[in-house]
Protein backbone atom coordinates (compact mmCIF):
# COMPACT_ATOMS: atom_id res chain seq x y z
CA UNK A 1 -0.13 0.00 0.01
CA UNK A 2 2.75 2.35 0.82
CA UNK A 3 4.47 1.77 -2.45
CA UNK A 4 1.06 2.59 -4.14
CA UNK A 5 0.67 5.90 -2.28
CA UNK A 6 4.35 6.82 -2.88
CA UNK A 7 3.95 6.26 -6.66
CA UNK A 8 0.74 8.09 -6.80
CA UNK A 9 2.40 11.00 -4.83
CA UNK A 10 5.27 11.30 -7.42
CA UNK A 11 2.85 10.93 -10.46
CA UNK A 12 0.65 13.71 -9.06
CA UNK A 13 3.61 15.93 -8.13
CA UNK A 14 5.55 15.44 -11.32
CA UNK A 15 2.66 15.11 -13.94
CA UNK A 16 0.10 17.63 -12.55
CA UNK A 17 1.13 19.69 -9.69
CA UNK A 18 4.30 20.98 -11.04
CA UNK A 19 2.55 22.20 -14.21
CA UNK A 20 -0.33 24.26 -12.48
CA UNK A 21 0.23 27.89 -13.27
CA UNK A 22 -0.54 29.08 -9.73
CA UNK A 23 2.33 29.35 -7.50
CA UNK A 24 -0.01 29.51 -4.33
CA UNK A 25 -1.55 26.04 -5.25
CA UNK A 26 1.98 24.51 -6.09
CA UNK A 27 3.63 25.79 -2.78
CA UNK A 28 0.57 24.62 -0.80
CA UNK A 29 1.15 21.02 -2.03
CA UNK A 30 4.92 21.13 -1.48
CA UNK A 31 4.35 22.28 2.04
CA UNK A 32 1.25 20.48 3.05
CA UNK A 33 1.76 17.20 1.21
CA UNK A 34 5.51 16.90 0.80
CA UNK A 35 6.27 18.77 3.89
CA UNK A 36 9.00 21.02 2.51
CA UNK A 37 9.81 24.34 4.16
CA UNK A 38 9.87 27.17 1.62
CA UNK A 39 11.11 30.61 2.65
CA UNK A 40 9.32 33.89 1.57
CA UNK A 41 9.82 35.05 -2.25
CA UNK A 42 11.04 31.78 -3.32
CA UNK A 43 10.75 31.11 -7.02
CA UNK A 44 10.22 27.39 -8.12
CA UNK A 45 9.35 27.58 -11.84
CA UNK A 46 6.90 24.89 -13.37
CA UNK A 47 8.29 21.81 -14.95
CA UNK A 48 10.60 20.83 -11.74
CA UNK A 49 10.96 17.27 -11.40
CA UNK A 50 10.88 15.87 -8.07
CA UNK A 51 12.20 12.42 -7.03
CA UNK A 52 11.32 11.18 -3.65
CA UNK A 53 10.66 8.17 -1.32
CA UNK A 54 7.28 8.91 -0.34
CA UNK A 55 5.29 11.39 1.98
CA UNK A 56 7.26 14.03 3.69
CA UNK A 57 10.45 12.44 2.71
CA UNK A 58 10.52 9.69 5.41
CA UNK A 59 11.92 12.36 8.12
CA UNK A 60 14.57 14.09 5.70
CA UNK A 61 14.13 17.75 5.46
CA UNK A 62 13.70 19.80 2.41
CA UNK A 63 14.36 23.50 3.08
CA UNK A 64 14.58 26.38 0.40
CA UNK A 65 15.65 29.64 1.87
CA UNK A 66 14.41 33.10 1.06
CA UNK A 67 14.47 34.50 -2.42
CA UNK A 68 16.02 31.28 -3.97
CA UNK A 69 15.24 30.50 -7.52
CA UNK A 70 14.78 26.89 -8.97
CA UNK A 71 14.52 27.14 -12.75
CA UNK A 72 12.56 24.90 -15.14
CA UNK A 73 13.93 21.60 -15.97
CA UNK A 74 15.69 20.95 -12.67
CA UNK A 75 15.61 17.67 -10.87
CA UNK A 76 15.21 17.63 -7.17
CA UNK A 77 16.02 14.23 -5.86
CA UNK A 78 15.13 14.95 -2.32
CA UNK A 79 15.06 11.46 -0.47
CA UNK A 80 18.45 12.18 1.25
CA UNK A 81 17.41 15.56 2.53
CA UNK A 82 18.00 19.09 0.69
CA UNK A 83 18.94 22.16 2.09
CA UNK A 84 19.18 25.48 0.00
CA UNK A 85 20.21 28.62 1.41
CA UNK A 86 19.00 32.27 0.74
CA UNK A 87 19.24 33.57 -2.63
CA UNK A 88 20.46 30.65 -4.29
CA UNK A 89 20.11 30.35 -8.22
CA UNK A 90 19.68 26.89 -9.80
CA UNK A 91 19.89 27.43 -13.51
CA UNK A 92 17.75 25.44 -15.88
CA UNK A 93 18.47 21.68 -16.02
CA UNK A 94 20.34 21.55 -12.64
CA UNK A 95 20.16 17.99 -10.97
CA UNK A 96 20.40 17.60 -7.11
CA UNK A 97 20.88 13.82 -6.51
CA UNK A 98 20.67 12.91 -2.87
CA UNK A 99 20.69 9.00 -3.52
CA UNK A 100 23.12 6.26 -4.93
CA UNK A 101 23.66 2.68 -4.48
CA UNK A 102 26.38 0.71 -2.64
CA UNK A 103 28.08 -0.87 -5.46
CA UNK A 104 30.05 -3.48 -3.27
CA UNK A 105 27.03 -4.66 -1.48
CA UNK A 106 25.64 -7.87 -3.07
CA UNK A 107 22.11 -6.51 -2.66
CA UNK A 108 22.90 -3.12 -4.39
CA UNK A 109 21.39 -1.37 -1.52
CA UNK A 110 20.09 2.44 -1.58
CA UNK A 111 22.43 5.16 -0.13
CA UNK A 112 20.77 8.45 0.68
CA UNK A 113 23.03 11.53 1.90
CA UNK A 114 21.70 15.13 2.15
CA UNK A 115 22.87 17.97 -0.18
CA UNK A 116 23.58 21.42 1.51
CA UNK A 117 23.73 24.54 -0.66
CA UNK A 118 24.92 27.73 1.14
CA UNK A 119 23.54 31.24 0.59
CA UNK A 120 24.28 33.27 -2.57
CA UNK A 121 25.47 30.11 -4.49
CA UNK A 122 25.01 29.88 -8.33
CA UNK A 123 24.62 26.57 -9.96
CA UNK A 124 24.98 26.93 -13.79
CA UNK A 125 22.88 25.15 -16.32
CA UNK A 126 22.95 21.24 -16.44
CA UNK A 127 25.45 21.06 -13.37
CA UNK A 128 24.93 18.03 -11.37
CA UNK A 129 25.45 17.98 -7.61
CA UNK A 130 25.74 14.41 -6.04
CA UNK A 131 24.78 12.96 -2.67
CA UNK A 132 26.61 14.22 0.32
CA UNK A 133 28.00 17.39 -1.20
CA UNK A 134 27.95 20.71 0.43
CA UNK A 135 28.23 23.69 -1.76
CA UNK A 136 29.69 26.67 0.15
CA UNK A 137 28.22 30.12 0.48
CA UNK A 138 28.60 32.27 -2.50
CA UNK A 139 30.39 29.51 -4.60
CA UNK A 140 29.72 29.09 -8.50
CA UNK A 141 29.39 25.74 -10.19
CA UNK A 142 30.05 26.14 -13.86
CA UNK A 143 27.37 24.85 -16.50
CA UNK A 144 27.71 21.08 -16.89
CA UNK A 145 29.88 20.50 -13.96
CA UNK A 146 29.51 17.19 -12.04
CA UNK A 147 30.16 17.93 -8.21
CA UNK A 148 31.36 14.93 -6.49
CA UNK A 149 33.05 16.51 -3.43
CA UNK A 150 32.36 19.43 -1.16
CA UNK A 151 32.88 22.97 -2.63
CA UNK A 152 34.49 25.58 -0.44
CA UNK A 153 32.71 29.11 -0.04
CA UNK A 154 33.38 31.53 -3.05
CA UNK A 155 35.16 28.95 -5.15
CA UNK A 156 34.35 28.60 -8.66
CA UNK A 157 34.09 24.91 -9.75
CA UNK A 158 33.96 23.31 -13.24
CA UNK A 159 34.68 20.16 -15.14
CA UNK A 160 33.77 16.43 -14.82
CA UNK A 161 34.64 15.90 -12.08
CA UNK A 162 34.32 19.40 -11.01
CA UNK A 163 37.48 21.01 -9.76
CA UNK A 164 38.26 24.48 -8.34
CA UNK A 165 39.03 26.85 -11.21
CA UNK A 166 38.89 30.20 -9.86
CA UNK A 167 37.54 32.08 -6.89
CA UNK A 168 34.60 34.55 -6.81
CA UNK A 169 35.58 38.17 -5.75
CA UNK A 170 32.33 39.32 -4.43
CA UNK A 171 32.74 38.38 -0.69
CA UNK A 172 29.71 40.02 0.88
CA UNK A 173 26.79 39.49 -1.37
CA UNK A 174 23.65 41.14 -0.45
CA UNK A 175 21.60 41.04 -3.80
CA UNK A 176 18.09 39.46 -3.71
CA UNK A 177 17.11 37.15 -6.39
CA UNK A 178 13.29 37.45 -5.56
CA UNK A 179 11.46 37.30 -8.81
CA UNK A 180 8.00 38.49 -9.91
CA UNK A 181 5.53 35.44 -9.91
CA UNK A 182 3.97 35.47 -13.34
CA UNK A 183 0.62 33.39 -13.48
CA UNK A 184 2.24 30.83 -15.72
CA UNK A 185 5.77 30.68 -13.79
């Protein structure tokens, strides 16, 4: 029965709820049904895909801080837990993958670890962040990067696997990413 409920929740979230033009209705579902904590002025565009283990993430938290923006085409694999700071920008097609498998286990068991993204981080288009990674405050992940290890604050990383390629000069960001919420966002 639980499997059926989980599959129904995933289906409704990804095939119906995520395409409702009303932010109010979508966010009500994320908060009330999925148990997410969503700060004020957060923008989650339509067409985001959510992979989850079931109702309310089986005790693992999903927190999205004030003013953060999650663009269309992103994949949020939230089973391991996901914490996104304030004014974080996820560009189109970013994948946050909190689950994996133990490749040395004879039963190929699931492994879930949280992803933590610090405030003012910027993730470029089609970047992939893997389970257990922390992206430091103000860090920049270049487009297409695959991040397998923690990223220090204000570092710029790129490549597959991602490596530090530079450092962000802006040390005290104070900008707001709060976007206007159009009817069809």
